Amino acid sequence: ASMKKLTTALLIAALPLAALAEKPTPAASQEIEHLIGHLKASGCEFQRNGSWYDSAKAAEHLRGKYDYLLKKGWVVTSDDFITRAATESSMSHKPYQVRCAGKDAEPSANWLQAELKRYRASK
């Protein structure tokens, strides 16, 4: 019986921690959605772990990582999204690259930061 009481007490104590998992503000969510959509519509190629993928596959991949990080409470800002989901492979730690028609490949973090800056300036 005392073990059951202890387990119940621990579960009750942990509830506020679950509530502390932070979520992006509406503005940050809008920026992140814009970045994913921009990548998808860009027609650029996205390199992860040595292979190139089209922009739709790249956006799908980043959406999955974003959804995972949201559940963990690890993305609060657009910068968190870029740093934690869109900079490097969480498996190999190899940097992601973006290559658009007629341009050299560049780190995805730089490409996304430039788009975020442009997006913010347009608002």
N, C-alpha and C. Protein backbone atom coordinates (compact mmCIF):
# COMPACT_ATOMS: atom_id res chain seq x y z
N ALA A 1 0.83 -1.20 0.00
CA ALA A 1 0.00 0.00 0.00
C ALA A 1 0.87 1.25 0.00
N SER A 2 1.98 1.22 0.77
CA SER A 2 2.82 2.41 0.81
C SER A 2 3.49 2.67 -0.54
N MET A 3 3.78 1.60 -1.30
CA MET A 3 4.37 1.77 -2.63
C MET A 3 3.38 2.45 -3.56
N LYS A 4 2.10 2.07 -3.45
CA LYS A 4 1.07 2.67 -4.28
C LYS A 4 0.93 4.16 -3.96
N LYS A 5 1.00 4.49 -2.66
CA LYS A 5 0.91 5.90 -2.24
C LYS A 5 2.11 6.69 -2.79
N LEU A 6 3.28 6.09 -2.71
CA LEU A 6 4.49 6.74 -3.20
C LEU A 6 4.39 6.97 -4.71
N THR A 7 3.95 5.96 -5.45
CA THR A 7 3.79 6.08 -6.90
C THR A 7 2.79 7.18 -7.23
N THR A 8 1.67 7.22 -6.53
CA THR A 8 0.66 8.25 -6.76
C THR A 8 1.24 9.63 -6.46
N ALA A 9 1.96 9.75 -5.36
CA ALA A 9 2.57 11.03 -4.99
C ALA A 9 3.57 11.49 -6.05
N LEU A 10 4.37 10.57 -6.56
CA LEU A 10 5.34 10.91 -7.60
C LEU A 10 4.65 11.36 -8.88
N LEU A 11 3.58 10.67 -9.27
CA LEU A 11 2.84 11.05 -10.47
C LEU A 11 2.23 12.44 -10.32
N ILE A 12 1.66 12.71 -9.16
CA ILE A 12 1.07 14.03 -8.92
C ILE A 12 2.15 15.11 -8.94
N ALA A 13 3.30 14.81 -8.36
CA ALA A 13 4.40 15.78 -8.34
C ALA A 13 4.93 16.04 -9.75
N ALA A 14 4.85 15.05 -10.63
CA ALA A 14 5.39 15.20 -11.99
C ALA A 14 4.44 15.98 -12.90
N LEU A 15 3.17 16.07 -12.55
CA LEU A 15 2.20 16.75 -13.42
C LEU A 15 2.61 18.18 -13.75
N PRO A 16 3.04 18.99 -12.78
CA PRO A 16 3.43 20.36 -13.14
C PRO A 16 4.61 20.39 -14.13
N LEU A 17 5.48 19.39 -14.06
CA LEU A 17 6.61 19.35 -14.99
C LEU A 17 6.13 19.20 -16.43
N ALA A 18 5.12 18.38 -16.65
CA ALA A 18 4.58 18.20 -17.99
C ALA A 18 3.99 19.52 -18.49
N ALA A 19 3.40 20.27 -17.58
CA ALA A 19 2.81 21.55 -17.97
C ALA A 19 3.89 22.58 -18.31
N LEU A 20 5.11 22.36 -17.83
CA LEU A 20 6.19 23.31 -18.08
C LEU A 20 6.82 23.14 -19.46
N ALA A 21 6.53 22.05 -20.14
CA ALA A 21 7.08 21.86 -21.49
C ALA A 21 6.61 23.05 -22.32
N GLU A 22 7.57 23.83 -22.77
CA GLU A 22 7.23 25.07 -23.45
C GLU A 22 6.81 24.81 -24.89
N LYS A 23 5.99 25.72 -25.37
CA LYS A 23 5.52 25.66 -26.76
C LYS A 23 5.87 26.99 -27.43
N PRO A 24 6.02 26.97 -28.75
CA PRO A 24 6.30 28.23 -29.45
C PRO A 24 5.12 29.19 -29.32
N THR A 25 5.42 30.47 -29.33
CA THR A 25 4.37 31.48 -29.37
C THR A 25 3.68 31.36 -30.73
N PRO A 26 2.49 31.93 -30.87
CA PRO A 26 1.84 31.92 -32.19
C PRO A 26 2.74 32.52 -33.28
N ALA A 27 3.47 33.58 -32.95
CA ALA A 27 4.35 34.21 -33.95
C ALA A 27 5.49 33.26 -34.35
N ALA A 28 6.08 32.58 -33.37
CA ALA A 28 7.17 31.63 -33.68
C ALA A 28 6.62 30.46 -34.48
N SER A 29 5.44 29.96 -34.13
CA SER A 29 4.83 28.87 -34.89
C SER A 29 4.60 29.28 -36.34
N GLN A 30 4.15 30.50 -36.53
CA GLN A 30 3.91 31.01 -37.89
C GLN A 30 5.23 31.09 -38.67
N GLU A 31 6.28 31.55 -38.03
CA GLU A 31 7.59 31.62 -38.70
C GLU A 31 8.10 30.24 -39.07
N ILE A 32 7.96 29.29 -38.16
CA ILE A 32 8.44 27.92 -38.42
C ILE A 32 7.64 27.30 -39.56
N GLU A 33 6.33 27.48 -39.53
CA GLU A 33 5.49 26.97 -40.62
C GLU A 33 5.90 27.61 -41.95
N HIS A 34 6.21 28.91 -41.90
CA HIS A 34 6.66 29.59 -43.12
C HIS A 34 7.96 28.96 -43.63
N LEU A 35 8.91 28.72 -42.73
CA LEU A 35 10.20 28.15 -43.15
C LEU A 35 10.02 26.77 -43.78
N ILE A 36 9.20 25.94 -43.17
CA ILE A 36 8.97 24.60 -43.74
C ILE A 36 8.29 24.72 -45.10
N GLY A 37 7.29 25.58 -45.19
CA GLY A 37 6.58 25.80 -46.46
C GLY A 37 7.47 26.40 -47.52
N HIS A 38 8.33 27.32 -47.12
CA HIS A 38 9.26 27.96 -48.06
C HIS A 38 10.23 26.92 -48.63
N LEU A 39 10.75 26.07 -47.76
CA LEU A 39 11.64 25.01 -48.23
C LEU A 39 10.90 24.11 -49.22
N LYS A 40 9.69 23.70 -48.86
CA LYS A 40 8.92 22.80 -49.72
C LYS A 40 8.68 23.42 -51.09
N ALA A 41 8.35 24.71 -51.13
CA ALA A 41 8.03 25.39 -52.38
C ALA A 41 9.26 25.87 -53.15
N SER A 42 10.43 25.80 -52.53
CA SER A 42 11.64 26.39 -53.12
C SER A 42 12.15 25.67 -54.36
N GLY A 43 11.89 24.38 -54.44
CA GLY A 43 12.45 23.61 -55.55
C GLY A 43 13.94 23.32 -55.36
N CYS A 44 14.49 23.73 -54.23
CA CYS A 44 15.90 23.48 -53.95
C CYS A 44 16.09 22.03 -53.50
N GLU A 45 17.32 21.58 -53.55
CA GLU A 45 17.65 20.25 -53.06
C GLU A 45 18.20 20.37 -51.65
N PHE A 46 18.04 19.32 -50.88
CA PHE A 46 18.43 19.31 -49.47
C PHE A 46 19.27 18.08 -49.22
N GLN A 47 20.47 18.29 -48.70
CA GLN A 47 21.36 17.16 -48.44
C GLN A 47 21.35 16.81 -46.96
N ARG A 48 21.13 15.52 -46.71
CA ARG A 48 21.30 15.02 -45.35
C ARG A 48 21.97 13.66 -45.43
N ASN A 49 22.95 13.49 -44.58
CA ASN A 49 23.72 12.23 -44.52
C ASN A 49 24.27 11.81 -45.88
N GLY A 50 24.74 12.79 -46.66
CA GLY A 50 25.41 12.50 -47.92
C GLY A 50 24.51 12.31 -49.13
N SER A 51 23.19 12.32 -48.94
CA SER A 51 22.27 12.14 -50.08
C SER A 51 21.44 13.40 -50.28
N TRP A 52 21.13 13.68 -51.55
CA TRP A 52 20.31 14.84 -51.89
C TRP A 52 18.85 14.42 -52.03
N TYR A 53 17.95 15.26 -51.50
CA TYR A 53 16.51 15.02 -51.55
C TYR A 53 15.82 16.25 -52.14
N ASP A 54 14.66 16.03 -52.75
CA ASP A 54 13.93 17.18 -53.28
C ASP A 54 13.32 17.97 -52.12
N SER A 55 12.85 19.16 -52.44
CA SER A 55 12.37 20.07 -51.39
C SER A 55 11.14 19.51 -50.65
N ALA A 56 10.30 18.76 -51.33
CA ALA A 56 9.12 18.18 -50.66
C ALA A 56 9.55 17.15 -49.61
N LYS A 57 10.51 16.28 -49.96
CA LYS A 57 11.03 15.28 -49.01
C LYS A 57 11.73 15.98 -47.85
N ALA A 58 12.47 17.04 -48.17
CA ALA A 58 13.19 17.78 -47.14
C ALA A 58 12.21 18.40 -46.15
N ALA A 59 11.15 19.02 -46.67
CA ALA A 59 10.15 19.64 -45.80
C ALA A 59 9.46 18.59 -44.93
N GLU A 60 9.18 17.44 -45.51
CA GLU A 60 8.55 16.34 -44.78
C GLU A 60 9.46 15.87 -43.63
N HIS A 61 10.76 15.78 -43.92
CA HIS A 61 11.74 15.36 -42.91
C HIS A 61 11.79 16.37 -41.77
N LEU A 62 11.88 17.66 -42.11
CA LEU A 62 11.95 18.68 -41.06
C LEU A 62 10.64 18.76 -40.27
N ARG A 63 9.52 18.53 -40.94
CA ARG A 63 8.22 18.51 -40.24
C ARG A 63 8.23 17.41 -39.18
N GLY A 64 8.74 16.24 -39.53
CA GLY A 64 8.80 15.13 -38.58
C GLY A 64 9.69 15.46 -37.39
N LYS A 65 10.83 16.06 -37.66
CA LYS A 65 11.73 16.44 -36.57
C LYS A 65 11.09 17.51 -35.70
N TYR A 66 10.43 18.47 -36.33
CA TYR A 66 9.75 19.54 -35.59
C TYR A 66 8.66 18.96 -34.69
N ASP A 67 7.84 18.07 -35.22
CA ASP A 67 6.77 17.46 -34.44
C ASP A 67 7.33 16.72 -33.22
N TYR A 68 8.43 16.00 -33.43
CA TYR A 68 9.08 15.28 -32.33
C TYR A 68 9.56 16.26 -31.26
N LEU A 69 10.25 17.32 -31.69
CA LEU A 69 10.79 18.29 -30.74
C LEU A 69 9.68 19.04 -30.01
N LEU A 70 8.57 19.29 -30.69
CA LEU A 70 7.42 19.94 -30.05
C LEU A 70 6.91 19.10 -28.88
N LYS A 71 6.79 17.80 -29.11
CA LYS A 71 6.31 16.90 -28.06
C LYS A 71 7.23 16.92 -26.84
N LYS A 72 8.51 17.13 -27.08
CA LYS A 72 9.49 17.18 -26.00
C LYS A 72 9.55 18.56 -25.34
N GLY A 73 8.94 19.57 -25.97
CA GLY A 73 9.03 20.93 -25.45
C GLY A 73 10.37 21.58 -25.73
N TRP A 74 11.04 21.15 -26.80
CA TRP A 74 12.39 21.61 -27.10
C TRP A 74 12.44 22.68 -28.18
N VAL A 75 11.30 23.13 -28.67
CA VAL A 75 11.29 24.21 -29.66
C VAL A 75 10.34 25.29 -29.16
N VAL A 76 10.89 26.46 -28.87
CA VAL A 76 10.09 27.59 -28.41
C VAL A 76 10.17 28.73 -29.43
N THR A 77 11.32 28.87 -30.07
CA THR A 77 11.53 29.95 -31.03
C THR A 77 11.88 29.40 -32.41
N SER A 78 11.83 30.27 -33.40
CA SER A 78 12.25 29.89 -34.76
C SER A 78 13.72 29.49 -34.76
N ASP A 79 14.52 30.18 -33.96
CA ASP A 79 15.94 29.84 -33.87
C ASP A 79 16.14 28.44 -33.29
N ASP A 80 15.31 28.08 -32.29
CA ASP A 80 15.36 26.72 -31.76
C ASP A 80 15.10 25.70 -32.87
N PHE A 81 14.09 25.99 -33.68
CA PHE A 81 13.75 25.09 -34.79
C PHE A 81 14.94 24.93 -35.73
N ILE A 82 15.54 26.04 -36.12
CA ILE A 82 16.67 25.97 -37.05
C ILE A 82 17.82 25.20 -36.41
N THR A 83 18.15 25.54 -35.17
CA THR A 83 19.28 24.91 -34.49
C THR A 83 19.05 23.43 -34.21
N ARG A 84 17.88 23.09 -33.69
CA ARG A 84 17.65 21.72 -33.22
C ARG A 84 17.10 20.77 -34.28
N ALA A 85 16.41 21.32 -35.29
CA ALA A 85 15.78 20.44 -36.29
C ALA A 85 16.41 20.55 -37.66
N ALA A 86 16.93 21.73 -38.02
CA ALA A 86 17.24 21.98 -39.43
C ALA A 86 18.70 22.29 -39.73
N THR A 87 19.59 22.04 -38.78
CA THR A 87 21.00 22.35 -38.98
C THR A 87 21.85 21.13 -39.33
N GLU A 88 21.56 20.02 -38.63
CA GLU A 88 22.38 18.82 -38.83
C GLU A 88 21.57 17.57 -38.53
N SER A 89 22.09 16.46 -39.00
CA SER A 89 21.48 15.16 -38.72
C SER A 89 21.65 14.85 -37.24
N SER A 90 20.56 14.46 -36.60
CA SER A 90 20.66 14.08 -35.19
C SER A 90 21.32 12.71 -35.04
N MET A 91 21.42 11.97 -36.14
CA MET A 91 22.06 10.66 -36.10
C MET A 91 23.58 10.77 -36.35
N SER A 92 23.95 11.39 -37.47
CA SER A 92 25.37 11.44 -37.86
C SER A 92 26.05 12.75 -37.46
N HIS A 93 25.27 13.76 -37.13
CA HIS A 93 25.76 15.11 -36.82
C HIS A 93 26.42 15.79 -38.02
N LYS A 94 26.16 15.26 -39.22
CA LYS A 94 26.65 15.92 -40.44
C LYS A 94 25.72 17.10 -40.73
N PRO A 95 26.31 18.25 -41.10
CA PRO A 95 25.48 19.42 -41.39
C PRO A 95 24.59 19.19 -42.61
N TYR A 96 23.38 19.72 -42.55
CA TYR A 96 22.49 19.71 -43.71
C TYR A 96 22.94 20.81 -44.66
N GLN A 97 22.71 20.57 -45.95
CA GLN A 97 23.04 21.55 -46.99
C GLN A 97 21.80 21.82 -47.84
N VAL A 98 21.72 23.02 -48.39
CA VAL A 98 20.67 23.37 -49.35
C VAL A 98 21.36 23.82 -50.63
N ARG A 99 20.85 23.34 -51.77
CA ARG A 99 21.42 23.70 -53.07
C ARG A 99 20.26 24.10 -53.98
N CYS A 100 20.26 25.36 -54.36
CA CYS A 100 19.22 25.87 -55.25
C CYS A 100 19.80 26.03 -56.65
N ALA A 101 18.94 26.00 -57.65
CA ALA A 101 19.36 26.07 -59.06
C ALA A 101 20.33 27.22 -59.29
N GLY A 102 21.46 26.90 -59.90
CA GLY A 102 22.44 27.92 -60.28
C GLY A 102 23.28 28.45 -59.13
N LYS A 103 23.14 27.88 -57.95
CA LYS A 103 23.90 28.36 -56.80
C LYS A 103 24.65 27.22 -56.15
N ASP A 104 25.71 27.56 -55.44
CA ASP A 104 26.46 26.56 -54.69
C ASP A 104 25.65 26.11 -53.47
N ALA A 105 25.92 24.91 -53.02
CA ALA A 105 25.30 24.42 -51.79
C ALA A 105 25.77 25.28 -50.62
N GLU A 106 24.88 25.46 -49.65
CA GLU A 106 25.23 26.20 -48.45
C GLU A 106 24.61 25.51 -47.24
N PRO A 107 25.15 25.78 -46.06
CA PRO A 107 24.56 25.16 -44.87
C PRO A 107 23.08 25.54 -44.75
N SER A 108 22.26 24.57 -44.42
CA SER A 108 20.82 24.83 -44.31
C SER A 108 20.52 25.90 -43.27
N ALA A 109 21.29 25.93 -42.19
CA ALA A 109 21.06 26.94 -41.15
C ALA A 109 21.18 28.35 -41.74
N ASN A 110 22.20 28.58 -42.58
CA ASN A 110 22.38 29.91 -43.20
C ASN A 110 21.20 30.23 -44.12
N TRP A 111 20.81 29.25 -44.92
CA TRP A 111 19.72 29.43 -45.88
C TRP A 111 18.42 29.76 -45.16
N LEU A 112 18.13 29.02 -44.09
CA LEU A 112 16.90 29.26 -43.32
C LEU A 112 16.95 30.57 -42.54
N GLN A 113 18.10 30.91 -41.98
CA GLN A 113 18.22 32.19 -41.26
C GLN A 113 18.01 33.36 -42.21
N ALA A 114 18.55 33.26 -43.43
CA ALA A 114 18.36 34.33 -44.42
C ALA A 114 16.88 34.48 -44.77
N GLU A 115 16.18 33.36 -44.93
CA GLU A 115 14.75 33.41 -45.24
C GLU A 115 13.96 33.94 -44.06
N LEU A 116 14.33 33.57 -42.86
CA LEU A 116 13.64 34.07 -41.67
C LEU A 116 13.80 35.59 -41.57
N LYS A 117 15.00 36.07 -41.84
CA LYS A 117 15.26 37.52 -41.81
C LYS A 117 14.42 38.23 -42.86
N ARG A 118 14.35 37.66 -44.06
CA ARG A 118 13.56 38.25 -45.14
C ARG A 118 12.08 38.25 -44.77
N TYR A 119 11.61 37.15 -44.22
CA TYR A 119 10.22 37.01 -43.81
C TYR A 119 9.84 38.03 -42.74
N ARG A 120 10.70 38.17 -41.74
CA ARG A 120 10.43 39.14 -40.66
C ARG A 120 10.40 40.56 -41.20
N ALA A 121 11.31 40.85 -42.13
CA ALA A 121 11.36 42.22 -42.70
C ALA A 121 10.13 42.53 -43.54
N SER A 122 9.48 41.51 -44.08
CA SER A 122 8.31 41.71 -44.94
C SER A 122 7.03 41.92 -44.15
N LYS A 123 7.09 41.73 -42.83
CA LYS A 123 5.87 41.81 -42.00
C LYS A 123 5.64 43.23 -41.50
